[in-house]
Amino acid sequence: MANLFLLALTPLAYRNARALRPLACFYAGVMLLNGMGHTIFTVLGRTVSSVHFPRPASGFYSSPFLLGASIYMFIRLRASRKTSDS
């Protein structure tokens, strides 16, 4: 549901709406942590000492896309900040 809500805000994002910047930054941070988590859990083979799972962890194959998309979002946010502040 959150993803659908954010998708509905796309027209505002294309207009570089200032109010969306904190939300976009938060969302990119969550996706970055999510991608890193799937990768780290695959390397460790567990989340906590009592929860083990076969490797690779679920979500491991899509985690590079999460990492790439979140880094790209941070780059675009930084670039759009320069144009909106001037």
C-alpha atoms as a PDB file:
ATOM      1  CA  MET A   1       0.000   0.000   0.000  1.00  0.00           C
ATOM      2  CA  ALA A   2       2.844   2.376   0.797  1.00  0.00           C
ATOM      3  CA  ASN A   3       4.383   1.768  -2.619  1.00  0.00           C
ATOM      4  CA  LEU A   4       1.062   2.522  -4.335  1.00  0.00           C
ATOM      5  CA  PHE A   5       0.727   5.718  -2.316  1.00  0.00           C
ATOM      6  CA  LEU A   6       4.220   6.811  -3.317  1.00  0.00           C
ATOM      7  CA  LEU A   7       3.506   5.923  -6.942  1.00  0.00           C
ATOM      8  CA  ALA A   8       0.466   8.213  -6.826  1.00  0.00           C
ATOM      9  CA  LEU A   9       2.807  11.040  -5.764  1.00  0.00           C
ATOM     10  CA  THR A  10       4.888  10.687  -8.944  1.00  0.00           C
ATOM     11  CA  PRO A  11       3.374  13.758 -10.693  1.00  0.00           C
ATOM     12  CA  LEU A  12       4.408  15.908  -7.729  1.00  0.00           C
ATOM     13  CA  ALA A  13       7.884  14.412  -7.751  1.00  0.00           C
ATOM     14  CA  TYR A  14       8.331  15.312 -11.412  1.00  0.00           C
ATOM     15  CA  ARG A  15       7.517  18.904 -10.495  1.00  0.00           C
ATOM     16  CA  ASN A  16      10.276  18.726  -7.844  1.00  0.00           C
ATOM     17  CA  ALA A  17       7.840  19.333  -4.976  1.00  0.00           C
ATOM     18  CA  ARG A  18       9.868  20.340  -1.966  1.00  0.00           C
ATOM     19  CA  ALA A  19       7.539  18.567   0.487  1.00  0.00           C
ATOM     20  CA  LEU A  20       8.367  15.171  -1.028  1.00  0.00           C
ATOM     21  CA  ARG A  21      12.109  15.415  -0.502  1.00  0.00           C
ATOM     22  CA  PRO A  22      12.149  14.142   3.131  1.00  0.00           C
ATOM     23  CA  LEU A  23       9.753  11.329   2.227  1.00  0.00           C
ATOM     24  CA  ALA A  24      11.904  10.321  -0.757  1.00  0.00           C
ATOM     25  CA  CYS A  25      15.056  10.428   1.348  1.00  0.00           C
ATOM     26  CA  PHE A  26      13.456   8.275   4.056  1.00  0.00           C
ATOM     27  CA  TYR A  27      12.158   5.772   1.494  1.00  0.00           C
ATOM     28  CA  ALA A  28      15.553   5.522  -0.225  1.00  0.00           C
ATOM     29  CA  GLY A  29      17.196   4.941   3.168  1.00  0.00           C
ATOM     30  CA  VAL A  30      14.768   2.162   4.053  1.00  0.00           C
ATOM     31  CA  MET A  31      15.339   0.482   0.673  1.00  0.00           C
ATOM     32  CA  LEU A  32      19.115   0.798   1.081  1.00  0.00           C
ATOM     33  CA  LEU A  33      18.966  -0.863   4.501  1.00  0.00           C
ATOM     34  CA  ASN A  34      16.617  -3.543   3.150  1.00  0.00           C
ATOM     35  CA  GLY A  35      18.982  -4.404   0.295  1.00  0.00           C
ATOM     36  CA  MET A  36      21.987  -4.461   2.610  1.00  0.00           C
ATOM     37  CA  GLY A  37      20.083  -6.644   5.072  1.00  0.00           C
ATOM     38  CA  HIS A  38      19.288  -9.323   2.490  1.00  0.00           C
ATOM     39  CA  THR A  39      22.920  -9.386   1.392  1.00  0.00           C
ATOM     40  CA  ILE A  40      24.313  -9.515   4.929  1.00  0.00           C
ATOM     41  CA  PHE A  41      21.853 -12.206   6.013  1.00  0.00           C
ATOM     42  CA  THR A  42      22.930 -14.331   3.046  1.00  0.00           C
ATOM     43  CA  VAL A  43      26.586 -14.006   4.030  1.00  0.00           C
ATOM     44  CA  LEU A  44      25.846 -14.803   7.682  1.00  0.00           C
ATOM     45  CA  GLY A  45      23.276 -17.535   6.990  1.00  0.00           C
ATOM     46  CA  ARG A  46      21.106 -16.316   9.852  1.00  0.00           C
ATOM     47  CA  THR A  47      19.348 -13.263  11.242  1.00  0.00           C
ATOM     48  CA  VAL A  48      19.762 -14.022  14.939  1.00  0.00           C
ATOM     49  CA  SER A  49      21.526 -16.971  16.543  1.00  0.00           C
ATOM     50  CA  SER A  50      18.328 -19.047  16.731  1.00  0.00           C
ATOM     51  CA  VAL A  51      17.055 -18.341  13.177  1.00  0.00           C
ATOM     52  CA  HIS A  52      19.038 -20.115  10.452  1.00  0.00           C
ATOM     53  CA  PHE A  53      18.009 -20.515   6.810  1.00  0.00           C
ATOM     54  CA  PRO A  54      19.487 -22.084   3.701  1.00  0.00           C
ATOM     55  CA  ARG A  55      21.576 -19.775   1.566  1.00  0.00           C
ATOM     56  CA  PRO A  56      20.863 -17.561  -0.277  1.00  0.00           C
ATOM     57  CA  ALA A  57      18.407 -15.681   1.917  1.00  0.00           C
ATOM     58  CA  SER A  58      15.055 -14.830   0.420  1.00  0.00           C
ATOM     59  CA  GLY A  59      15.275 -11.529  -1.416  1.00  0.00           C
ATOM     60  CA  PHE A  60      18.997 -11.893  -2.078  1.00  0.00           C
ATOM     61  CA  TYR A  61      18.698 -11.875  -5.869  1.00  0.00           C
ATOM     62  CA  SER A  62      16.636  -8.684  -5.906  1.00  0.00           C
ATOM     63  CA  SER A  63      18.807  -6.895  -3.326  1.00  0.00           C
ATOM     64  CA  PRO A  64      21.254  -5.486  -5.933  1.00  0.00           C
ATOM     65  CA  PHE A  65      18.291  -3.768  -7.599  1.00  0.00           C
ATOM     66  CA  LEU A  66      17.193  -2.296  -4.258  1.00  0.00           C
ATOM     67  CA  LEU A  67      20.705  -1.069  -3.564  1.00  0.00           C
ATOM     68  CA  GLY A  68      21.118   0.406  -7.031  1.00  0.00           C
ATOM     69  CA  ALA A  69      17.716   2.087  -7.044  1.00  0.00           C
ATOM     70  CA  SER A  70      18.183   3.606  -3.594  1.00  0.00           C
ATOM     71  CA  ILE A  71      21.650   4.932  -4.435  1.00  0.00           C
ATOM     72  CA  TYR A  72      20.271   6.361  -7.677  1.00  0.00           C
ATOM     73  CA  MET A  73      17.467   8.022  -5.680  1.00  0.00           C
ATOM     74  CA  PHE A  74      20.002   9.654  -3.345  1.00  0.00           C
ATOM     75  CA  ILE A  75      22.020  10.882  -6.339  1.00  0.00           C
ATOM     76  CA  ARG A  76      18.926  12.327  -8.034  1.00  0.00           C
ATOM     77  CA  LEU A  77      17.772  13.964  -4.798  1.00  0.00           C
ATOM     78  CA  ARG A  78      21.138  15.629  -4.435  1.00  0.00           C
ATOM     79  CA  ALA A  79      21.165  16.805  -8.057  1.00  0.00           C
ATOM     80  CA  SER A  80      17.610  18.147  -7.870  1.00  0.00           C
ATOM     81  CA  ARG A  81      18.421  20.009  -4.653  1.00  0.00           C
ATOM     82  CA  LYS A  82      21.029  22.034  -6.492  1.00  0.00           C
ATOM     83  CA  THR A  83      18.548  23.070  -9.171  1.00  0.00           C
ATOM     84  CA  SER A  84      15.657  23.789  -6.805  1.00  0.00           C
ATOM     85  CA  ASP A  85      17.699  25.933  -4.380  1.00  0.00           C
ATOM     86  CA  SER A  86      19.044  28.310  -7.023  1.00  0.00           C
END
